[in-house]
């Protein structure tokens, strides 16, 4: 397996300079993977006889865990619950992650990348996994609408600043969830 620093040096080859003079900003997804996937079909086979369309409850959560000075794991959690008056049709929980390499980027810009841009890049893959899992559970695939992670990040940042201004404090980027 490649050394973490070898992978990082491949992120921006033009910025690589001899004698440790790598001072150009560099960010990128190193790899992405399913960390956890749970699919439940608790009322099979009776669920296939139900006539009522299920109500879909869709929840997202974004987290970031610093692995080293230059590598952070970004986790996009997606929970889907399809319920009818008769019970749960299906439940899906997905933790889809990406290892993100960041070098020579200011903290506020790195935070924005980790909580807005990286989830935007991971989302299409998580969306496909959810659609396939729902289909494999015996239901029509669930096609989740695109999500404006950048807009959500800005909204959350503004809300946090307003809360801090009301409390009399100075603002910093939100600490974790989008």
N, C-alpha and C. Protein backbone atom coordinates (compact mmCIF):
# COMPACT_ATOMS: atom_id res chain seq x y z
N UNK A 1 0.85 -1.17 0.00
CA UNK A 1 0.00 0.00 0.00
C UNK A 1 0.89 1.23 0.00
N UNK A 2 0.48 2.26 -0.73
CA UNK A 2 1.28 3.47 -0.86
C UNK A 2 1.32 4.24 0.45
N UNK A 3 2.46 4.83 0.71
CA UNK A 3 2.63 5.68 1.88
C UNK A 3 1.75 6.92 1.72
N UNK A 4 1.19 7.41 2.82
CA UNK A 4 0.31 8.57 2.80
C UNK A 4 0.98 9.77 2.14
N UNK A 5 2.25 10.01 2.42
CA UNK A 5 2.95 11.15 1.84
C UNK A 5 3.17 10.98 0.34
N UNK A 6 3.34 9.74 -0.13
CA UNK A 6 3.47 9.50 -1.56
C UNK A 6 2.18 9.86 -2.27
N UNK A 7 1.04 9.48 -1.67
CA UNK A 7 -0.26 9.79 -2.26
C UNK A 7 -0.46 11.29 -2.29
N UNK A 8 -0.11 11.98 -1.20
CA UNK A 8 -0.27 13.43 -1.15
C UNK A 8 0.59 14.14 -2.18
N UNK A 9 1.80 13.65 -2.41
CA UNK A 9 2.66 14.32 -3.37
C UNK A 9 2.10 14.20 -4.78
N UNK A 10 1.28 13.19 -5.04
CA UNK A 10 0.66 13.03 -6.35
C UNK A 10 -0.52 13.98 -6.56
N UNK A 11 -1.03 14.60 -5.49
CA UNK A 11 -2.20 15.46 -5.62
C UNK A 11 -1.94 16.67 -6.49
N UNK A 12 -0.75 17.25 -6.40
CA UNK A 12 -0.44 18.44 -7.16
C UNK A 12 1.04 18.39 -7.55
N UNK A 13 1.32 17.70 -8.62
CA UNK A 13 2.71 17.48 -9.02
C UNK A 13 3.41 18.78 -9.41
N UNK A 14 2.67 19.74 -9.96
CA UNK A 14 3.29 21.00 -10.36
C UNK A 14 3.78 21.79 -9.16
N UNK A 15 3.17 21.58 -7.98
CA UNK A 15 3.55 22.33 -6.79
C UNK A 15 4.71 21.67 -6.05
N UNK A 16 5.09 20.45 -6.43
CA UNK A 16 6.16 19.74 -5.74
C UNK A 16 7.50 20.36 -6.09
N UNK A 17 8.24 20.74 -5.03
CA UNK A 17 9.52 21.37 -5.22
C UNK A 17 10.55 20.65 -4.36
N UNK A 18 11.83 20.71 -4.73
CA UNK A 18 12.86 20.03 -3.96
C UNK A 18 13.09 20.69 -2.60
N UNK A 19 13.74 19.94 -1.70
CA UNK A 19 14.18 20.43 -0.40
C UNK A 19 13.04 20.93 0.49
N UNK A 20 11.88 20.31 0.40
CA UNK A 20 10.77 20.66 1.29
C UNK A 20 10.16 22.01 1.01
N UNK A 21 10.31 22.55 -0.17
CA UNK A 21 9.77 23.87 -0.49
C UNK A 21 8.37 23.78 -1.09
N UNK A 22 7.62 22.74 -0.73
CA UNK A 22 6.25 22.59 -1.22
C UNK A 22 5.36 23.55 -0.45
N UNK A 23 5.11 24.73 -1.02
CA UNK A 23 4.31 25.70 -0.30
C UNK A 23 3.07 26.13 -1.06
N UNK A 24 2.76 25.47 -2.16
CA UNK A 24 1.55 25.76 -2.92
C UNK A 24 0.36 25.06 -2.27
N UNK A 25 -0.80 25.72 -2.24
CA UNK A 25 -1.99 25.06 -1.70
C UNK A 25 -2.36 23.84 -2.55
N UNK A 26 -2.77 22.78 -1.88
CA UNK A 26 -3.13 21.55 -2.57
C UNK A 26 -4.22 20.83 -1.78
N UNK A 27 -5.30 20.47 -2.46
CA UNK A 27 -6.37 19.68 -1.84
C UNK A 27 -6.85 18.63 -2.84
N UNK A 28 -7.38 17.53 -2.33
CA UNK A 28 -7.93 16.51 -3.22
C UNK A 28 -8.40 15.30 -2.46
N UNK A 29 -9.25 14.54 -3.12
CA UNK A 29 -9.75 13.29 -2.56
C UNK A 29 -8.71 12.22 -2.86
N UNK A 30 -8.19 11.57 -1.83
CA UNK A 30 -7.20 10.51 -1.99
C UNK A 30 -7.90 9.21 -2.35
N UNK A 31 -8.94 8.86 -1.59
CA UNK A 31 -9.73 7.67 -1.86
C UNK A 31 -11.09 7.84 -1.23
N UNK A 32 -12.04 7.03 -1.64
CA UNK A 32 -13.38 7.05 -1.04
C UNK A 32 -13.85 5.62 -0.87
N UNK A 33 -14.76 5.44 0.12
CA UNK A 33 -15.13 4.07 0.48
C UNK A 33 -16.39 4.05 1.33
N UNK A 34 -17.04 2.89 1.34
CA UNK A 34 -18.16 2.64 2.25
C UNK A 34 -17.55 2.23 3.58
N UNK A 35 -17.87 2.99 4.63
CA UNK A 35 -17.41 2.64 5.96
C UNK A 35 -18.42 1.75 6.66
N UNK A 36 -19.71 2.02 6.42
CA UNK A 36 -20.77 1.22 7.04
C UNK A 36 -22.01 1.31 6.16
N UNK A 37 -22.68 0.18 5.98
CA UNK A 37 -23.91 0.14 5.22
C UNK A 37 -24.84 -0.87 5.87
N UNK A 38 -26.04 -0.41 6.19
CA UNK A 38 -27.06 -1.28 6.78
C UNK A 38 -28.34 -1.13 5.98
N UNK A 39 -28.90 -2.26 5.56
CA UNK A 39 -30.16 -2.27 4.83
C UNK A 39 -31.09 -3.21 5.57
N UNK A 40 -32.24 -2.67 5.97
CA UNK A 40 -33.23 -3.48 6.68
C UNK A 40 -34.53 -3.47 5.91
N UNK A 41 -35.14 -4.63 5.81
CA UNK A 41 -36.44 -4.81 5.18
C UNK A 41 -37.29 -5.58 6.21
N UNK A 42 -37.68 -4.90 7.33
CA UNK A 42 -38.21 -5.60 8.49
C UNK A 42 -39.58 -6.26 8.31
N UNK A 43 -40.35 -5.82 7.32
CA UNK A 43 -41.70 -6.37 7.17
C UNK A 43 -41.87 -7.20 5.90
N UNK A 44 -40.76 -7.68 5.35
CA UNK A 44 -40.84 -8.56 4.18
C UNK A 44 -41.37 -9.92 4.65
N UNK A 45 -42.18 -10.59 3.92
CA UNK A 45 -42.69 -10.28 2.59
C UNK A 45 -44.00 -9.49 2.59
N UNK A 46 -44.60 -9.23 3.76
CA UNK A 46 -45.90 -8.54 3.81
C UNK A 46 -45.85 -7.15 3.18
N UNK A 47 -44.71 -6.46 3.28
CA UNK A 47 -44.58 -5.10 2.77
C UNK A 47 -44.91 -5.02 1.28
N UNK A 48 -44.69 -6.10 0.55
CA UNK A 48 -44.92 -6.07 -0.90
C UNK A 48 -46.40 -6.14 -1.25
N UNK A 49 -47.25 -6.35 -0.27
CA UNK A 49 -48.70 -6.37 -0.48
C UNK A 49 -49.35 -5.04 -0.07
N UNK A 50 -48.61 -4.17 0.60
CA UNK A 50 -49.16 -2.90 1.06
C UNK A 50 -49.46 -1.99 -0.13
N UNK A 51 -50.58 -1.28 -0.05
CA UNK A 51 -51.00 -0.39 -1.14
C UNK A 51 -50.56 1.06 -0.92
N UNK A 52 -50.34 1.44 0.33
CA UNK A 52 -49.99 2.82 0.68
C UNK A 52 -48.54 3.14 0.28
N UNK A 53 -48.35 4.32 -0.31
CA UNK A 53 -47.00 4.78 -0.64
C UNK A 53 -46.29 5.17 0.65
N UNK A 54 -45.04 4.78 0.82
CA UNK A 54 -44.32 5.14 2.05
C UNK A 54 -43.93 6.62 2.08
N UNK A 55 -43.86 7.16 3.28
CA UNK A 55 -43.28 8.49 3.50
C UNK A 55 -41.79 8.28 3.71
N UNK A 56 -40.99 9.09 3.03
CA UNK A 56 -39.54 8.95 3.10
C UNK A 56 -38.98 10.01 4.04
N UNK A 57 -38.24 9.57 5.05
CA UNK A 57 -37.53 10.47 5.95
C UNK A 57 -36.05 10.32 5.62
N UNK A 58 -35.43 11.42 5.17
CA UNK A 58 -34.05 11.41 4.71
C UNK A 58 -33.25 12.35 5.60
N UNK A 59 -32.18 11.85 6.20
CA UNK A 59 -31.34 12.64 7.10
C UNK A 59 -29.89 12.56 6.63
N UNK A 60 -29.19 13.71 6.68
CA UNK A 60 -27.77 13.78 6.34
C UNK A 60 -27.00 14.31 7.53
N UNK A 61 -25.77 13.85 7.66
CA UNK A 61 -24.86 14.37 8.66
C UNK A 61 -23.45 14.31 8.07
N UNK A 62 -22.68 15.37 8.29
CA UNK A 62 -21.32 15.44 7.77
C UNK A 62 -20.37 15.55 8.94
N UNK A 63 -19.32 14.75 8.92
CA UNK A 63 -18.30 14.81 9.96
C UNK A 63 -16.92 14.77 9.34
N UNK A 64 -15.96 15.26 10.09
CA UNK A 64 -14.57 15.23 9.64
C UNK A 64 -13.69 14.81 10.80
N UNK A 65 -12.80 13.86 10.53
CA UNK A 65 -11.89 13.34 11.55
C UNK A 65 -10.46 13.46 11.02
N UNK A 66 -9.67 14.29 11.67
CA UNK A 66 -8.29 14.52 11.24
C UNK A 66 -7.47 13.25 11.48
N UNK A 67 -6.89 12.70 10.43
CA UNK A 67 -6.08 11.48 10.52
C UNK A 67 -4.61 11.85 10.77
N UNK A 68 -4.15 12.88 10.08
CA UNK A 68 -2.78 13.39 10.26
C UNK A 68 -2.80 14.88 9.92
N UNK A 69 -1.64 15.52 9.90
CA UNK A 69 -1.59 16.94 9.59
C UNK A 69 -2.13 17.25 8.20
N UNK A 70 -2.04 16.32 7.29
CA UNK A 70 -2.43 16.59 5.90
C UNK A 70 -3.54 15.70 5.39
N UNK A 71 -4.10 14.82 6.21
CA UNK A 71 -5.15 13.92 5.77
C UNK A 71 -6.31 13.95 6.77
N UNK A 72 -7.52 14.12 6.22
CA UNK A 72 -8.74 14.14 7.03
C UNK A 72 -9.75 13.19 6.40
N UNK A 73 -10.43 12.41 7.25
CA UNK A 73 -11.52 11.56 6.77
C UNK A 73 -12.81 12.37 6.86
N UNK A 74 -13.47 12.55 5.72
CA UNK A 74 -14.78 13.21 5.68
C UNK A 74 -15.82 12.11 5.56
N UNK A 75 -16.81 12.14 6.46
CA UNK A 75 -17.85 11.12 6.49
C UNK A 75 -19.19 11.75 6.18
N UNK A 76 -19.85 11.22 5.16
CA UNK A 76 -21.19 11.63 4.78
C UNK A 76 -22.13 10.51 5.23
N UNK A 77 -22.93 10.80 6.27
CA UNK A 77 -23.89 9.81 6.76
C UNK A 77 -25.25 10.11 6.16
N UNK A 78 -25.88 9.07 5.63
CA UNK A 78 -27.21 9.19 5.05
C UNK A 78 -28.09 8.13 5.70
N UNK A 79 -29.20 8.58 6.29
CA UNK A 79 -30.18 7.66 6.87
C UNK A 79 -31.50 7.84 6.14
N UNK A 80 -32.06 6.73 5.67
CA UNK A 80 -33.34 6.75 4.96
C UNK A 80 -34.29 5.80 5.68
N UNK A 81 -35.48 6.32 6.00
CA UNK A 81 -36.53 5.49 6.59
C UNK A 81 -37.78 5.66 5.74
N UNK A 82 -38.29 4.57 5.19
CA UNK A 82 -39.53 4.58 4.42
C UNK A 82 -40.59 3.92 5.27
N UNK A 83 -41.62 4.71 5.63
CA UNK A 83 -42.65 4.22 6.55
C UNK A 83 -44.03 4.44 5.98
N UNK A 84 -44.92 3.52 6.32
CA UNK A 84 -46.34 3.67 6.00
C UNK A 84 -47.12 3.53 7.30
N UNK A 85 -48.43 3.65 7.20
CA UNK A 85 -49.27 3.44 8.38
C UNK A 85 -49.20 2.02 8.90
N UNK A 86 -48.76 1.11 8.04
CA UNK A 86 -48.67 -0.30 8.45
C UNK A 86 -47.32 -0.66 9.05
N UNK A 87 -46.32 0.21 8.89
CA UNK A 87 -45.00 -0.07 9.46
C UNK A 87 -43.87 0.40 8.57
N UNK A 88 -42.66 -0.02 8.91
CA UNK A 88 -41.47 0.34 8.14
C UNK A 88 -41.38 -0.50 6.88
N UNK A 89 -41.22 0.17 5.75
CA UNK A 89 -40.99 -0.54 4.50
C UNK A 89 -39.51 -0.93 4.40
N UNK A 90 -38.64 0.06 4.59
CA UNK A 90 -37.20 -0.22 4.62
C UNK A 90 -36.47 0.87 5.39
N UNK A 91 -35.30 0.50 5.88
CA UNK A 91 -34.41 1.42 6.61
C UNK A 91 -33.01 1.23 6.05
N UNK A 92 -32.37 2.33 5.70
CA UNK A 92 -31.01 2.25 5.16
C UNK A 92 -30.15 3.27 5.89
N UNK A 93 -29.00 2.83 6.33
CA UNK A 93 -28.01 3.70 6.95
C UNK A 93 -26.70 3.51 6.20
N UNK A 94 -26.16 4.62 5.72
CA UNK A 94 -24.90 4.59 4.97
C UNK A 94 -23.92 5.60 5.56
N UNK A 95 -22.71 5.15 5.81
CA UNK A 95 -21.60 6.04 6.15
C UNK A 95 -20.61 5.92 5.00
N UNK A 96 -20.58 6.96 4.16
CA UNK A 96 -19.70 6.98 2.99
C UNK A 96 -18.59 7.99 3.26
N UNK A 97 -17.35 7.57 3.10
CA UNK A 97 -16.22 8.40 3.49
C UNK A 97 -15.26 8.66 2.34
N UNK A 98 -14.50 9.71 2.52
CA UNK A 98 -13.41 10.03 1.62
C UNK A 98 -12.23 10.50 2.44
N UNK A 99 -11.05 10.06 2.07
CA UNK A 99 -9.83 10.61 2.66
C UNK A 99 -9.44 11.82 1.83
N UNK A 100 -9.32 12.96 2.51
CA UNK A 100 -9.03 14.22 1.84
C UNK A 100 -7.63 14.67 2.23
N UNK A 101 -6.82 14.95 1.23
CA UNK A 101 -5.49 15.50 1.47
C UNK A 101 -5.54 17.01 1.36
N UNK A 102 -5.01 17.69 2.37
CA UNK A 102 -4.98 19.16 2.36
C UNK A 102 -3.59 19.59 2.80
N UNK A 103 -2.99 20.45 1.98
CA UNK A 103 -1.64 20.95 2.28
C UNK A 103 -1.60 22.44 1.96
N UNK A 104 -1.06 23.22 2.91
CA UNK A 104 -0.82 24.66 2.71
C UNK A 104 -2.09 25.44 2.38
N UNK A 105 -3.18 25.13 3.07
CA UNK A 105 -4.46 25.81 2.87
C UNK A 105 -4.85 26.46 4.20
N UNK A 106 -5.25 27.74 4.19
CA UNK A 106 -5.68 28.39 5.43
C UNK A 106 -6.84 27.62 6.09
N UNK A 107 -6.88 27.66 7.42
CA UNK A 107 -7.84 26.87 8.20
C UNK A 107 -9.30 27.12 7.78
N UNK A 108 -9.70 28.37 7.56
CA UNK A 108 -11.09 28.64 7.20
C UNK A 108 -11.43 28.05 5.83
N UNK A 109 -10.49 28.10 4.90
CA UNK A 109 -10.72 27.51 3.58
C UNK A 109 -10.72 25.99 3.65
N UNK A 110 -9.86 25.43 4.48
CA UNK A 110 -9.83 23.97 4.66
C UNK A 110 -11.15 23.50 5.27
N UNK A 111 -11.66 24.24 6.24
CA UNK A 111 -12.93 23.88 6.88
C UNK A 111 -14.06 23.90 5.86
N UNK A 112 -14.10 24.93 5.02
CA UNK A 112 -15.13 25.02 3.98
C UNK A 112 -15.02 23.85 3.00
N UNK A 113 -13.79 23.48 2.65
CA UNK A 113 -13.62 22.35 1.74
C UNK A 113 -14.12 21.06 2.38
N UNK A 114 -13.76 20.84 3.64
CA UNK A 114 -14.13 19.59 4.31
C UNK A 114 -15.62 19.45 4.55
N UNK A 115 -16.33 20.55 4.81
CA UNK A 115 -17.74 20.47 5.16
C UNK A 115 -18.69 20.91 4.06
N UNK A 116 -18.18 21.35 2.92
CA UNK A 116 -19.06 21.73 1.82
C UNK A 116 -18.63 21.07 0.51
N UNK A 117 -17.39 21.30 0.10
CA UNK A 117 -16.95 20.80 -1.21
C UNK A 117 -16.72 19.28 -1.21
N UNK A 118 -16.06 18.75 -0.19
CA UNK A 118 -15.82 17.30 -0.15
C UNK A 118 -17.14 16.52 -0.11
N UNK A 119 -18.13 16.89 0.72
CA UNK A 119 -19.40 16.18 0.68
C UNK A 119 -20.09 16.28 -0.69
N UNK A 120 -19.94 17.44 -1.35
CA UNK A 120 -20.52 17.59 -2.70
C UNK A 120 -19.89 16.59 -3.66
N UNK A 121 -18.59 16.36 -3.51
CA UNK A 121 -17.88 15.42 -4.38
C UNK A 121 -18.23 13.97 -4.06
N UNK A 122 -18.49 13.67 -2.79
CA UNK A 122 -18.81 12.30 -2.37
C UNK A 122 -20.27 11.94 -2.64
N UNK A 123 -21.15 12.93 -2.64
CA UNK A 123 -22.59 12.69 -2.71
C UNK A 123 -23.05 11.83 -3.89
N UNK A 124 -22.60 12.06 -5.13
CA UNK A 124 -23.11 11.22 -6.22
C UNK A 124 -22.87 9.73 -6.01
N UNK A 125 -21.77 9.38 -5.37
CA UNK A 125 -21.46 7.98 -5.12
C UNK A 125 -22.36 7.42 -4.02
N UNK A 126 -22.57 8.20 -2.97
CA UNK A 126 -23.48 7.79 -1.89
C UNK A 126 -24.91 7.66 -2.43
N UNK A 127 -25.30 8.57 -3.30
CA UNK A 127 -26.64 8.54 -3.90
C UNK A 127 -26.86 7.24 -4.68
N UNK A 128 -25.86 6.84 -5.45
CA UNK A 128 -25.97 5.60 -6.21
C UNK A 128 -26.07 4.38 -5.29
N UNK A 129 -25.29 4.38 -4.22
CA UNK A 129 -25.31 3.26 -3.27
C UNK A 129 -26.69 3.14 -2.64
N UNK A 130 -27.28 4.27 -2.25
CA UNK A 130 -28.63 4.27 -1.66
C UNK A 130 -29.64 3.75 -2.69
N UNK A 131 -29.58 4.25 -3.91
CA UNK A 131 -30.52 3.81 -4.95
C UNK A 131 -30.40 2.30 -5.18
N UNK A 132 -29.18 1.80 -5.25
CA UNK A 132 -28.98 0.36 -5.46
C UNK A 132 -29.48 -0.45 -4.26
N UNK A 133 -29.24 0.04 -3.04
CA UNK A 133 -29.67 -0.68 -1.84
C UNK A 133 -31.19 -0.77 -1.77
N UNK A 134 -31.87 0.33 -2.10
CA UNK A 134 -33.34 0.32 -2.09
C UNK A 134 -33.84 -0.65 -3.15
N UNK A 135 -33.25 -0.61 -4.33
CA UNK A 135 -33.65 -1.52 -5.41
C UNK A 135 -33.39 -2.98 -5.01
N UNK A 136 -32.24 -3.23 -4.39
CA UNK A 136 -31.90 -4.59 -3.98
C UNK A 136 -32.80 -5.09 -2.85
N UNK A 137 -33.43 -4.16 -2.12
CA UNK A 137 -34.39 -4.55 -1.08
C UNK A 137 -35.76 -4.86 -1.68
N UNK A 138 -35.91 -4.69 -2.99
CA UNK A 138 -37.16 -5.05 -3.66
C UNK A 138 -38.09 -3.89 -3.93
N UNK A 139 -37.60 -2.66 -3.86
CA UNK A 139 -38.42 -1.47 -4.09
C UNK A 139 -37.87 -0.69 -5.27
N UNK A 140 -38.66 0.24 -5.81
CA UNK A 140 -38.11 1.09 -6.87
C UNK A 140 -36.94 1.91 -6.32
N UNK A 141 -35.89 2.11 -7.10
CA UNK A 141 -34.72 2.85 -6.60
C UNK A 141 -35.12 4.24 -6.10
N UNK A 142 -34.52 4.66 -5.02
CA UNK A 142 -34.74 5.99 -4.46
C UNK A 142 -33.70 6.92 -5.05
N UNK A 143 -34.13 7.86 -5.86
CA UNK A 143 -33.22 8.82 -6.48
C UNK A 143 -33.28 10.11 -5.67
N UNK A 144 -32.29 10.31 -4.83
CA UNK A 144 -32.23 11.49 -3.96
C UNK A 144 -31.89 12.70 -4.82
N UNK A 145 -32.65 13.78 -4.62
CA UNK A 145 -32.38 15.02 -5.34
C UNK A 145 -31.00 15.56 -4.98
N UNK A 146 -30.37 16.27 -5.91
CA UNK A 146 -29.07 16.90 -5.60
C UNK A 146 -29.20 17.83 -4.40
N UNK A 147 -28.12 17.96 -3.66
CA UNK A 147 -28.09 18.78 -2.45
C UNK A 147 -27.03 19.87 -2.63
N UNK A 148 -27.40 21.09 -2.25
CA UNK A 148 -26.48 22.22 -2.32
C UNK A 148 -25.69 22.30 -1.01
N UNK A 149 -24.63 21.50 -0.91
CA UNK A 149 -23.83 21.47 0.31
C UNK A 149 -23.16 22.82 0.59
N UNK A 150 -22.75 23.53 -0.47
CA UNK A 150 -22.14 24.84 -0.27
C UNK A 150 -23.15 25.82 0.32
N UNK A 151 -24.37 25.82 -0.21
CA UNK A 151 -25.43 26.69 0.33
C UNK A 151 -25.76 26.35 1.77
N UNK A 152 -25.84 25.06 2.09
CA UNK A 152 -26.11 24.64 3.47
C UNK A 152 -24.98 25.07 4.40
N UNK A 153 -23.75 24.97 3.93
CA UNK A 153 -22.60 25.37 4.74
C UNK A 153 -22.67 26.87 5.04
N UNK A 154 -22.97 27.67 4.03
CA UNK A 154 -23.06 29.12 4.22
C UNK A 154 -24.20 29.47 5.17
N UNK A 155 -25.36 28.80 5.01
CA UNK A 155 -26.48 29.04 5.93
C UNK A 155 -26.09 28.72 7.36
N UNK A 156 -25.43 27.61 7.55
CA UNK A 156 -25.04 27.20 8.90
C UNK A 156 -24.00 28.17 9.47
N UNK A 157 -23.08 28.62 8.65
CA UNK A 157 -22.06 29.57 9.08
C UNK A 157 -22.71 30.89 9.49
N UNK A 158 -23.67 31.38 8.70
CA UNK A 158 -24.37 32.62 9.03
C UNK A 158 -25.18 32.46 10.32
N UNK A 159 -25.86 31.34 10.47
CA UNK A 159 -26.65 31.10 11.69
C UNK A 159 -25.75 31.08 12.91
N UNK A 160 -24.59 30.45 12.79
CA UNK A 160 -23.66 30.39 13.92
C UNK A 160 -23.14 31.79 14.26
N UNK A 161 -22.83 32.58 13.25
CA UNK A 161 -22.35 33.95 13.49
C UNK A 161 -23.44 34.80 14.15
N UNK A 162 -24.68 34.64 13.71
CA UNK A 162 -25.79 35.38 14.32
C UNK A 162 -25.97 34.99 15.78
N UNK A 163 -25.86 33.69 16.07
CA UNK A 163 -25.97 33.23 17.46
C UNK A 163 -24.85 33.81 18.30
N UNK A 164 -23.63 33.80 17.76
CA UNK A 164 -22.50 34.32 18.51
C UNK A 164 -22.58 35.83 18.68
N UNK A 165 -23.10 36.54 17.66
CA UNK A 165 -23.26 37.98 17.77
C UNK A 165 -24.31 38.31 18.83
N UNK A 166 -25.37 37.53 18.89
CA UNK A 166 -26.40 37.72 19.91
C UNK A 166 -25.85 37.44 21.30
N UNK A 167 -24.90 36.50 21.38
CA UNK A 167 -24.29 36.15 22.66
C UNK A 167 -23.08 37.04 22.97
N UNK A 168 -22.66 37.86 21.98
CA UNK A 168 -21.55 38.77 22.20
C UNK A 168 -20.18 38.20 21.87
N UNK A 169 -20.10 37.08 21.12
CA UNK A 169 -18.81 36.45 20.81
C UNK A 169 -18.44 36.63 19.36
N UNK A 170 -17.19 36.34 19.01
CA UNK A 170 -16.72 36.39 17.63
C UNK A 170 -16.92 35.03 16.98
N UNK A 171 -17.13 35.02 15.66
CA UNK A 171 -17.49 33.79 14.95
C UNK A 171 -16.30 33.06 14.37
N UNK A 172 -16.44 31.74 14.33
CA UNK A 172 -15.50 30.85 13.66
C UNK A 172 -16.33 29.88 12.85
N UNK A 173 -15.73 29.13 11.93
CA UNK A 173 -16.52 28.18 11.14
C UNK A 173 -17.23 27.17 12.06
N UNK A 174 -18.41 26.68 11.64
CA UNK A 174 -19.12 25.70 12.46
C UNK A 174 -18.27 24.48 12.71
N UNK A 175 -18.51 23.85 13.84
CA UNK A 175 -17.61 22.81 14.32
C UNK A 175 -17.83 21.43 13.75
N UNK A 176 -18.88 21.17 12.96
CA UNK A 176 -18.90 19.79 12.52
C UNK A 176 -20.04 19.34 11.68
N UNK A 177 -21.24 19.73 11.91
CA UNK A 177 -22.34 19.13 11.17
C UNK A 177 -22.88 20.10 10.15
N UNK A 178 -23.28 19.57 9.00
CA UNK A 178 -23.93 20.38 7.99
C UNK A 178 -25.21 19.74 7.58
